[in-house]
PDB file of N, CA and C in Angstrom:
ATOM      1  N   MET A   1     151.530  15.895  63.955  1.00  0.00           N
ATOM      2  CA  MET A   1     152.831  16.111  64.569  1.00  0.00           C
ATOM      3  C   MET A   1     153.896  16.342  63.484  1.00  0.00           C
ATOM      4  N   VAL A   2     154.851  17.170  63.802  1.00  0.00           N
ATOM      5  CA  VAL A   2     155.899  17.523  62.839  1.00  0.00           C
ATOM      6  C   VAL A   2     157.012  16.474  62.893  1.00  0.00           C
ATOM      7  N   ASN A   3     157.410  15.975  61.729  1.00  0.00           N
ATOM      8  CA  ASN A   3     158.510  15.021  61.637  1.00  0.00           C
ATOM      9  C   ASN A   3     159.815  15.815  61.564  1.00  0.00           C
ATOM     10  N   LEU A   4     160.736  15.576  62.515  1.00  0.00           N
ATOM     11  CA  LEU A   4     161.979  16.342  62.594  1.00  0.00           C
ATOM     12  C   LEU A   4     162.805  16.234  61.315  1.00  0.00           C
ATOM     13  N   ASP A   5     162.974  15.011  60.786  1.00  0.00           N
ATOM     14  CA  ASP A   5     163.791  14.822  59.580  1.00  0.00           C
ATOM     15  C   ASP A   5     163.214  15.587  58.389  1.00  0.00           C
ATOM     16  N   GLN A   6     161.896  15.474  58.192  1.00  0.00           N
ATOM     17  CA  GLN A   6     161.259  16.191  57.079  1.00  0.00           C
ATOM     18  C   GLN A   6     161.379  17.692  57.268  1.00  0.00           C
ATOM     19  N   ALA A   7     161.170  18.162  58.500  1.00  0.00           N
ATOM     20  CA  ALA A   7     161.229  19.598  58.779  1.00  0.00           C
ATOM     21  C   ALA A   7     162.633  20.141  58.518  1.00  0.00           C
ATOM     22  N   ILE A   8     163.663  19.377  58.900  1.00  0.00           N
ATOM     23  CA  ILE A   8     165.049  19.802  58.634  1.00  0.00           C
ATOM     24  C   ILE A   8     165.298  19.872  57.134  1.00  0.00           C
ATOM     25  N   ALA A   9     164.883  18.831  56.410  1.00  0.00           N
ATOM     26  CA  ALA A   9     165.104  18.783  54.958  1.00  0.00           C
ATOM     27  C   ALA A   9     164.426  19.959  54.256  1.00  0.00           C
ATOM     28  N   ILE A  10     163.206  20.294  54.661  1.00  0.00           N
ATOM     29  CA  ILE A  10     162.492  21.419  54.043  1.00  0.00           C
ATOM     30  C   ILE A  10     163.185  22.736  54.392  1.00  0.00           C
ATOM     31  N   ALA A  11     163.631  22.874  55.640  1.00  0.00           N
ATOM     32  CA  ALA A  11     164.322  24.109  56.053  1.00  0.00           C
ATOM     33  C   ALA A  11     165.614  24.294  55.260  1.00  0.00           C
ATOM     34  N   VAL A  12     166.337  23.186  55.017  1.00  0.00           N
ATOM     35  CA  VAL A  12     167.588  23.270  54.249  1.00  0.00           C
ATOM     36  C   VAL A  12     167.298  23.721  52.818  1.00  0.00           C
ATOM     37  N   LYS A  13     166.206  23.197  52.234  1.00  0.00           N
ATOM     38  CA  LYS A  13     165.878  23.528  50.843  1.00  0.00           C
ATOM     39  C   LYS A  13     165.319  24.938  50.678  1.00  0.00           C
ATOM     40  N   THR A  14     164.472  25.388  51.625  1.00  0.00           N
ATOM     41  CA  THR A  14     163.727  26.636  51.407  1.00  0.00           C
ATOM     42  C   THR A  14     164.133  27.783  52.330  1.00  0.00           C
ATOM     43  N   GLY A  15     164.897  27.482  53.369  1.00  0.00           N
ATOM     44  CA  GLY A  15     165.243  28.528  54.331  1.00  0.00           C
ATOM     45  C   GLY A  15     166.728  28.826  54.354  1.00  0.00           C
ATOM     46  N   LYS A  16     167.187  29.364  55.482  1.00  0.00           N
ATOM     47  CA  LYS A  16     168.604  29.689  55.665  1.00  0.00           C
ATOM     48  C   LYS A  16     169.105  28.860  56.839  1.00  0.00           C
ATOM     49  N   VAL A  17     169.990  27.899  56.530  1.00  0.00           N
ATOM     50  CA  VAL A  17     170.516  26.985  57.550  1.00  0.00           C
ATOM     51  C   VAL A  17     172.037  27.050  57.522  1.00  0.00           C
ATOM     52  N   LEU A  18     172.633  27.133  58.708  1.00  0.00           N
ATOM     53  CA  LEU A  18     174.089  27.158  58.848  1.00  0.00           C
ATOM     54  C   LEU A  18     174.561  25.801  59.339  1.00  0.00           C
ATOM     55  N   PHE A  19     175.598  25.266  58.701  1.00  0.00           N
ATOM     56  CA  PHE A  19     176.118  23.956  59.075  1.00  0.00           C
ATOM     57  C   PHE A  19     177.440  24.094  59.802  1.00  0.00           C
ATOM     58  N   GLY A  20     177.690  23.197  60.739  1.00  0.00           N
ATOM     59  CA  GLY A  20     178.973  23.160  61.425  1.00  0.00           C
ATOM     60  C   GLY A  20     178.895  23.719  62.832  1.00  0.00           C
ATOM     61  N   ALA A  21     179.699  23.130  63.718  1.00  0.00           N
ATOM     62  CA  ALA A  21     179.679  23.508  65.127  1.00  0.00           C
ATOM     63  C   ALA A  21     180.148  24.942  65.334  1.00  0.00           C
ATOM     64  N   ASN A  22     181.230  25.344  64.660  1.00  0.00           N
ATOM     65  CA  ASN A  22     181.777  26.681  64.900  1.00  0.00           C
ATOM     66  C   ASN A  22     180.805  27.784  64.499  1.00  0.00           C
ATOM     67  N   SER A  23     180.224  27.684  63.306  1.00  0.00           N
ATOM     68  CA  SER A  23     179.295  28.739  62.883  1.00  0.00           C
ATOM     69  C   SER A  23     178.010  28.688  63.700  1.00  0.00           C
ATOM     70  N   THR A  24     177.592  27.487  64.132  1.00  0.00           N
ATOM     71  CA  THR A  24     176.396  27.377  64.976  1.00  0.00           C
ATOM     72  C   THR A  24     176.635  28.067  66.315  1.00  0.00           C
ATOM     73  N   ILE A  25     177.774  27.768  66.950  1.00  0.00           N
ATOM     74  CA  ILE A  25     178.091  28.384  68.247  1.00  0.00           C
ATOM     75  C   ILE A  25     178.189  29.902  68.107  1.00  0.00           C
ATOM     76  N   LYS A  26     178.895  30.369  67.061  1.00  0.00           N
ATOM     77  CA  LYS A  26     179.086  31.802  66.855  1.00  0.00           C
ATOM     78  C   LYS A  26     177.739  32.515  66.679  1.00  0.00           C
ATOM     79  N   ASN A  27     176.846  31.929  65.892  1.00  0.00           N
ATOM     80  CA  ASN A  27     175.559  32.565  65.634  1.00  0.00           C
ATOM     81  C   ASN A  27     174.595  32.448  66.802  1.00  0.00           C
ATOM     82  N   VAL A  28     174.708  31.388  67.602  1.00  0.00           N
ATOM     83  CA  VAL A  28     173.896  31.286  68.813  1.00  0.00           C
ATOM     84  C   VAL A  28     174.335  32.352  69.812  1.00  0.00           C
ATOM     85  N   MET A  29     175.651  32.568  69.926  1.00  0.00           N
ATOM     86  CA  MET A  29     176.178  33.573  70.853  1.00  0.00           C
ATOM     87  C   MET A  29     175.675  34.975  70.511  1.00  0.00           C
ATOM     88  N   THR A  30     175.516  35.264  69.225  1.00  0.00           N
ATOM     89  CA  THR A  30     175.049  36.579  68.814  1.00  0.00           C
ATOM     90  C   THR A  30     173.523  36.644  68.719  1.00  0.00           C
ATOM     91  N   GLY A  31     172.846  35.513  68.936  1.00  0.00           N
ATOM     92  CA  GLY A  31     171.390  35.492  68.934  1.00  0.00           C
ATOM     93  C   GLY A  31     170.766  35.625  67.559  1.00  0.00           C
ATOM     94  N   LYS A  32     171.513  35.279  66.512  1.00  0.00           N
ATOM     95  CA  LYS A  32     171.025  35.468  65.142  1.00  0.00           C
ATOM     96  C   LYS A  32     170.219  34.285  64.611  1.00  0.00           C
ATOM     97  N   VAL A  33     170.078  33.225  65.390  1.00  0.00           N
ATOM     98  CA  VAL A  33     169.370  32.040  64.900  1.00  0.00           C
ATOM     99  C   VAL A  33     168.094  31.819  65.706  1.00  0.00           C
ATOM    100  N   ARG A  34     167.176  31.051  65.124  1.00  0.00           N
ATOM    101  CA  ARG A  34     165.904  30.774  65.785  1.00  0.00           C
ATOM    102  C   ARG A  34     165.921  29.429  66.500  1.00  0.00           C
ATOM    103  N   LEU A  35     166.833  28.522  66.050  1.00  0.00           N
ATOM    104  CA  LEU A  35     166.856  27.160  66.576  1.00  0.00           C
ATOM    105  C   LEU A  35     168.212  26.533  66.295  1.00  0.00           C
ATOM    106  N   ALA A  36     168.710  25.741  67.247  1.00  0.00           N
ATOM    107  CA  ALA A  36     169.951  24.988  67.040  1.00  0.00           C
ATOM    108  C   ALA A  36     169.629  23.499  67.159  1.00  0.00           C
ATOM    109  N   ILE A  37     170.291  22.694  66.339  1.00  0.00           N
ATOM    110  CA  ILE A  37     170.084  21.240  66.344  1.00  0.00           C
ATOM    111  C   ILE A  37     171.451  20.577  66.383  1.00  0.00           C
ATOM    112  N   ILE A  38     171.607  19.574  67.251  1.00  0.00           N
ATOM    113  CA  ILE A  38     172.856  18.816  67.308  1.00  0.00           C
ATOM    114  C   ILE A  38     172.561  17.338  67.103  1.00  0.00           C
ATOM    115  N   SER A  39     173.569  16.594  66.639  1.00  0.00           N
ATOM    116  CA  SER A  39     173.414  15.155  66.424  1.00  0.00           C
ATOM    117  C   SER A  39     173.510  14.426  67.759  1.00  0.00           C
ATOM    118  N   SER A  40     173.084  13.175  67.755  1.00  0.00           N
ATOM    119  CA  SER A  40     173.108  12.384  68.991  1.00  0.00           C
ATOM    120  C   SER A  40     174.529  12.100  69.460  1.00  0.00           C
ATOM    121  N   ASN A  41     175.489  12.085  68.534  1.00  0.00           N
ATOM    122  CA  ASN A  41     176.883  11.805  68.905  1.00  0.00           C
ATOM    123  C   ASN A  41     177.768  13.053  68.784  1.00  0.00           C
ATOM    124  N   CYS A  42     177.161  14.214  68.963  1.00  0.00           N
ATOM    125  CA  CYS A  42     177.917  15.472  68.929  1.00  0.00           C
ATOM    126  C   CYS A  42     178.979  15.440  70.036  1.00  0.00           C
ATOM    127  N   PRO A  43     180.214  15.874  69.738  1.00  0.00           N
ATOM    128  CA  PRO A  43     181.254  15.883  70.778  1.00  0.00           C
ATOM    129  C   PRO A  43     180.796  16.655  72.016  1.00  0.00           C
ATOM    130  N   GLU A  44     181.142  16.135  73.191  1.00  0.00           N
ATOM    131  CA  GLU A  44     180.626  16.686  74.444  1.00  0.00           C
ATOM    132  C   GLU A  44     180.973  18.163  74.637  1.00  0.00           C
ATOM    133  N   ARG A  45     182.182  18.557  74.264  1.00  0.00           N
ATOM    134  CA  ARG A  45     182.592  19.960  74.426  1.00  0.00           C
ATOM    135  C   ARG A  45     181.665  20.884  73.641  1.00  0.00           C
ATOM    136  N   ILE A  46     181.356  20.498  72.406  1.00  0.00           N
ATOM    137  CA  ILE A  46     180.476  21.309  71.556  1.00  0.00           C
ATOM    138  C   ILE A  46     179.060  21.318  72.127  1.00  0.00           C
ATOM    139  N   ARG A  47     178.596  20.152  72.561  1.00  0.00           N
ATOM    140  CA  ARG A  47     177.242  20.049  73.124  1.00  0.00           C
ATOM    141  C   ARG A  47     177.105  20.941  74.359  1.00  0.00           C
ATOM    142  N   LEU A  48     178.087  20.882  75.246  1.00  0.00           N
ATOM    143  CA  LEU A  48     178.031  21.694  76.465  1.00  0.00           C
ATOM    144  C   LEU A  48     178.071  23.187  76.142  1.00  0.00           C
ATOM    145  N   ASP A  49     178.945  23.578  75.202  1.00  0.00           N
ATOM    146  CA  ASP A  49     179.008  24.987  74.789  1.00  0.00           C
ATOM    147  C   ASP A  49     177.665  25.444  74.228  1.00  0.00           C
ATOM    148  N   LEU A  50     177.089  24.634  73.330  1.00  0.00           N
ATOM    149  CA  LEU A  50     175.821  25.019  72.716  1.00  0.00           C
ATOM    150  C   LEU A  50     174.693  25.077  73.740  1.00  0.00           C
ATOM    151  N   GLU A  51     174.658  24.116  74.675  1.00  0.00           N
ATOM    152  CA  GLU A  51     173.629  24.147  75.715  1.00  0.00           C
ATOM    153  C   GLU A  51     173.730  25.435  76.523  1.00  0.00           C
ATOM    154  N   LYS A  52     174.959  25.813  76.886  1.00  0.00           N
ATOM    155  CA  LYS A  52     175.169  27.028  77.689  1.00  0.00           C
ATOM    156  C   LYS A  52     174.739  28.276  76.922  1.00  0.00           C
ATOM    157  N   TYR A  53     175.215  28.424  75.680  1.00  0.00           N
ATOM    158  CA  TYR A  53     174.908  29.628  74.920  1.00  0.00           C
ATOM    159  C   TYR A  53     173.437  29.696  74.513  1.00  0.00           C
ATOM    160  N   CYS A  54     172.826  28.552  74.236  1.00  0.00           N
ATOM    161  CA  CYS A  54     171.392  28.542  73.912  1.00  0.00           C
ATOM    162  C   CYS A  54     170.578  28.989  75.124  1.00  0.00           C
ATOM    163  N   ARG A  55     170.963  28.503  76.294  1.00  0.00           N
ATOM    164  CA  ARG A  55     170.261  28.883  77.522  1.00  0.00           C
ATOM    165  C   ARG A  55     170.394  30.403  77.751  1.00  0.00           C
ATOM    166  N   LEU A  56     171.603  30.940  77.582  1.00  0.00           N
ATOM    167  CA  LEU A  56     171.837  32.372  77.788  1.00  0.00           C
ATOM    168  C   LEU A  56     171.105  33.230  76.761  1.00  0.00           C
ATOM    169  N   SER A  57     171.018  32.753  75.514  1.00  0.00           N
ATOM    170  CA  SER A  57     170.390  33.524  74.439  1.00  0.00           C
ATOM    171  C   SER A  57     168.895  33.266  74.316  1.00  0.00           C
ATOM    172  N   GLY A  58     168.385  32.262  75.032  1.00  0.00           N
ATOM    173  CA  GLY A  58     166.966  31.924  74.920  1.00  0.00           C
ATOM    174  C   GLY A  58     166.618  31.251  73.608  1.00  0.00           C
ATOM    175  N   ILE A  59     167.600  30.578  73.006  1.00  0.00           N
ATOM    176  CA  ILE A  59     167.388  29.887  71.726  1.00  0.00           C
ATOM    177  C   ILE A  59     167.158  28.403  72.012  1.00  0.00           C
ATOM    178  N   PRO A  60     166.098  27.815  71.469  1.00  0.00           N
ATOM    179  CA  PRO A  60     165.844  26.388  71.712  1.00  0.00           C
ATOM    180  C   PRO A  60     166.910  25.497  71.073  1.00  0.00           C
ATOM    181  N   LEU A  61     167.214  24.391  71.746  1.00  0.00           N
ATOM    182  CA  LEU A  61     168.192  23.417  71.257  1.00  0.00           C
ATOM    183  C   LEU A  61     167.519  22.059  71.168  1.00  0.00           C
ATOM    184  N   ILE A  62     167.623  21.420  70.003  1.00  0.00           N
ATOM    185  CA  ILE A  62     167.071  20.078  69.809  1.00  0.00           C
ATOM    186  C   ILE A  62     168.229  19.109  69.638  1.00  0.00           C
ATOM    187  N   VAL A  63     168.172  17.982  70.368  1.00  0.00           N
ATOM    188  CA  VAL A  63     169.142  16.907  70.167  1.00  0.00           C
ATOM    189  C   VAL A  63     168.469  15.883  69.259  1.00  0.00           C
ATOM    190  N   SER A  64     168.977  15.768  68.044  1.00  0.00           N
ATOM    191  CA  SER A  64     168.401  14.845  67.073  1.00  0.00           C
ATOM    192  C   SER A  64     168.717  13.403  67.477  1.00  0.00           C
ATOM    193  N   PRO A  65     167.795  12.479  67.224  1.00  0.00           N
ATOM    194  CA  PRO A  65     168.095  11.066  67.500  1.00  0.00           C
ATOM    195  C   PRO A  65     169.088  10.481  66.489  1.00  0.00           C
ATOM    196  N   ARG A  66     169.411  11.215  65.447  1.00  0.00           N
ATOM    197  CA  ARG A  66     170.333  10.746  64.403  1.00  0.00           C
ATOM    198  C   ARG A  66     171.776  11.064  64.769  1.00  0.00           C
ATOM    199  N   ASN A  67     172.712  10.217  64.297  1.00  0.00           N
ATOM    200  CA  ASN A  67     174.127  10.539  64.504  1.00  0.00           C
ATOM    201  C   ASN A  67     174.560  11.548  63.435  1.00  0.00           C
ATOM    202  N   ASN A  68     175.816  11.998  63.484  1.00  0.00           N
ATOM    203  CA  ASN A  68     176.241  13.081  62.590  1.00  0.00           C
ATOM    204  C   ASN A  68     176.222  12.688  61.109  1.00  0.00           C
ATOM    205  N   VAL A  69     176.504  11.441  60.790  1.00  0.00           N
ATOM    206  CA  VAL A  69     176.469  11.006  59.390  1.00  0.00           C
ATOM    207  C   VAL A  69     175.024  10.994  58.883  1.00  0.00           C
ATOM    208  N   GLU A  70     174.106  10.457  59.693  1.00  0.00           N
ATOM    209  CA  GLU A  70     172.695  10.420  59.311  1.00  0.00           C
ATOM    210  C   GLU A  70     172.110  11.830  59.212  1.00  0.00           C
ATOM    211  N   LEU A  71     172.531  12.722  60.116  1.00  0.00           N
ATOM    212  CA  LEU A  71     172.046  14.097  60.071  1.00  0.00           C
ATOM    213  C   LEU A  71     172.515  14.791  58.791  1.00  0.00           C
ATOM    214  N   GLY A  72     173.742  14.516  58.377  1.00  0.00           N
ATOM    215  CA  GLY A  72     174.237  15.050  57.110  1.00  0.00           C
ATOM    216  C   GLY A  72     173.406  14.554  55.943  1.00  0.00           C
ATOM    217  N   ARG A  73     173.030  13.281  55.992  1.00  0.00           N
ATOM    218  CA  ARG A  73     172.204  12.693  54.933  1.00  0.00           C
ATOM    219  C   ARG A  73     170.813  13.325  54.908  1.00  0.00           C
ATOM    220  N   VAL A  74     170.225  13.563  56.091  1.00  0.00           N
ATOM    221  CA  VAL A  74     168.911  14.208  56.176  1.00  0.00           C
ATOM    222  C   VAL A  74     168.966  15.593  55.535  1.00  0.00           C
ATOM    223  N   CYS A  75     170.090  16.282  55.725  1.00  0.00           N
ATOM    224  CA  CYS A  75     170.263  17.630  55.156  1.00  0.00           C
ATOM    225  C   CYS A  75     170.621  17.591  53.674  1.00  0.00           C
ATOM    226  N   GLY A  76     170.827  16.391  53.116  1.00  0.00           N
ATOM    227  CA  GLY A  76     171.185  16.267  51.710  1.00  0.00           C
ATOM    228  C   GLY A  76     172.642  16.591  51.429  1.00  0.00           C
ATOM    229  N   LYS A  77     173.492  16.459  52.431  1.00  0.00           N
ATOM    230  CA  LYS A  77     174.912  16.777  52.279  1.00  0.00           C
ATOM    231  C   LYS A  77     175.745  15.491  52.301  1.00  0.00           C
ATOM    232  N   PRO A  78     176.862  15.478  51.570  1.00  0.00           N
ATOM    233  CA  PRO A  78     177.701  14.277  51.526  1.00  0.00           C
ATOM    234  C   PRO A  78     178.733  14.222  52.655  1.00  0.00           C
ATOM    235  N   PHE A  79     178.460  14.908  53.759  1.00  0.00           N
ATOM    236  CA  PHE A  79     179.406  14.914  54.878  1.00  0.00           C
ATOM    237  C   PHE A  79     178.639  14.882  56.198  1.00  0.00           C
ATOM    238  N   ALA A  80     179.351  14.570  57.261  1.00  0.00           N
ATOM    239  CA  ALA A  80     178.747  14.489  58.590  1.00  0.00           C
ATOM    240  C   ALA A  80     178.492  15.894  59.131  1.00  0.00           C
ATOM    241  N   ILE A  81     177.362  16.064  59.813  1.00  0.00           N
ATOM    242  CA  ILE A  81     177.009  17.346  60.429  1.00  0.00           C
ATOM    243  C   ILE A  81     176.680  17.090  61.892  1.00  0.00           C
ATOM    244  N   SER A  82     177.489  17.659  62.796  1.00  0.00           N
ATOM    245  CA  SER A  82     177.214  17.448  64.215  1.00  0.00           C
ATOM    246  C   SER A  82     176.362  18.569  64.797  1.00  0.00           C
ATOM    247  N   ALA A  83     176.343  19.733  64.140  1.00  0.00           N
ATOM    248  CA  ALA A  83     175.513  20.840  64.623  1.00  0.00           C
ATOM    249  C   ALA A  83     175.064  21.699  63.445  1.00  0.00           C
ATOM    250  N   LEU A  84     173.840  22.211  63.544  1.00  0.00           N
ATOM    251  CA  LEU A  84     173.340  23.133  62.543  1.00  0.00           C
ATOM    252  C   LEU A  84     172.429  24.148  63.212  1.00  0.00           C
ATOM    253  N   ALA A  85     172.315  25.297  62.583  1.00  0.00           N
ATOM    254  CA  ALA A  85     171.487  26.370  63.125  1.00  0.00           C
ATOM    255  C   ALA A  85     170.493  26.826  62.069  1.00  0.00           C
ATOM    256  N   ILE A  86     169.257  27.026  62.483  1.00  0.00           N
ATOM    257  CA  ILE A  86     168.202  27.494  61.589  1.00  0.00           C
ATOM    258  C   ILE A  86     168.076  29.011  61.777  1.00  0.00           C
ATOM    259  N   ARG A  87     168.441  29.773  60.741  1.00  0.00           N
ATOM    260  CA  ARG A  87     168.249  31.231  60.801  1.00  0.00           C
ATOM    261  C   ARG A  87     166.857  31.586  60.309  1.00  0.00           C
ATOM    262  N   ASP A  88     166.452  30.944  59.207  1.00  0.00           N
ATOM    263  CA  ASP A  88     165.132  31.182  58.633  1.00  0.00           C
ATOM    264  C   ASP A  88     164.564  29.813  58.250  1.00  0.00           C
ATOM    265  N   PRO A  89     163.428  29.421  58.828  1.00  0.00           N
ATOM    266  CA  PRO A  89     162.904  28.077  58.543  1.00  0.00           C
ATOM    267  C   PRO A  89     162.323  27.905  57.146  1.00  0.00           C
ATOM    268  N   GLY A  90     162.158  28.980  56.379  1.00  0.00           N
ATOM    269  CA  GLY A  90     161.580  28.855  55.043  1.00  0.00           C
ATOM    270  C   GLY A  90     160.164  28.313  55.123  1.00  0.00           C
ATOM    271  N   ASP A  91     159.855  27.315  54.309  1.00  0.00           N
ATOM    272  CA  ASP A  91     158.514  26.721  54.293  1.00  0.00           C
ATOM    273  C   ASP A  91     158.344  25.650  55.363  1.00  0.00           C
ATOM    274  N   SER A  92     159.390  25.373  56.121  1.00  0.00           N
ATOM    275  CA  SER A  92     159.360  24.327  57.134  1.00  0.00           C
ATOM    276  C   SER A  92     158.583  24.777  58.363  1.00  0.00           C
ATOM    277  N   ASP A  93     157.944  23.817  59.023  1.00  0.00           N
ATOM    278  CA  ASP A  93     157.251  24.136  60.279  1.00  0.00           C
ATOM    279  C   ASP A  93     158.056  23.599  61.471  1.00  0.00           C
ATOM    280  N   ILE A  94     159.378  23.618  61.357  1.00  0.00           N
ATOM    281  CA  ILE A  94     160.267  23.076  62.384  1.00  0.00           C
ATOM    282  C   ILE A  94     160.151  23.836  63.704  1.00  0.00           C
ATOM    283  N   LEU A  95     159.822  25.113  63.644  1.00  0.00           N
ATOM    284  CA  LEU A  95     159.722  25.889  64.884  1.00  0.00           C
ATOM    285  C   LEU A  95     158.528  25.463  65.740  1.00  0.00           C
ATOM    286  N   LYS A  96     157.565  24.750  65.136  1.00  0.00           N
ATOM    287  CA  LYS A  96     156.423  24.234  65.921  1.00  0.00           C
ATOM    288  C   LYS A  96     156.877  23.155  66.901  1.00  0.00           C
ATOM    289  N   LEU A  97     158.029  22.535  66.630  1.00  0.00           N
ATOM    290  CA  LEU A  97     158.548  21.497  67.530  1.00  0.00           C
ATOM    291  C   LEU A  97     158.973  22.078  68.871  1.00  0.00           C
ATOM    292  N   VAL A  98     159.324  23.347  68.892  1.00  0.00           N
ATOM    293  CA  VAL A  98     159.877  23.933  70.118  1.00  0.00           C
ATOM    294  C   VAL A  98     158.968  24.983  70.748  1.00  0.00           C
ATOM    295  N   ARG A  99     157.871  25.306  70.117  1.00  0.00           N
ATOM    296  CA  ARG A  99     156.968  26.307  70.677  1.00  0.00           C
ATOM    297  C   ARG A  99     156.353  25.778  71.960  1.00  0.00           C
ATOM    298  N   ARG A 100     156.353  26.607  72.976  1.00  0.00           N
ATOM    299  CA  ARG A 100     155.809  26.146  74.268  1.00  0.00           C
ATOM    300  C   ARG A 100     154.518  26.839  74.580  1.00  0.00           C
TER     301      ARG A 100
END
């Protein structure tokens, strides 16, 4: 089984990952990402927007069990991250988490 935290960390190091709610929403709307991830305490307005646009674009959305500070730490960043988008997973097998 794929560990979400490890898969995110590998994707950040080897792939193309966008951080922040605004850039995540913008890129989901244009369909340029393969996967969106939000923190467990993501603000409701952002969560609802992302759920709607992901559904319309057919992009999978994962709600991480981590809060925004912990998600930032998993990504190796010194700041809180409430939403991120995976454009290219790199060496990560994170997309196996959402394959149906």
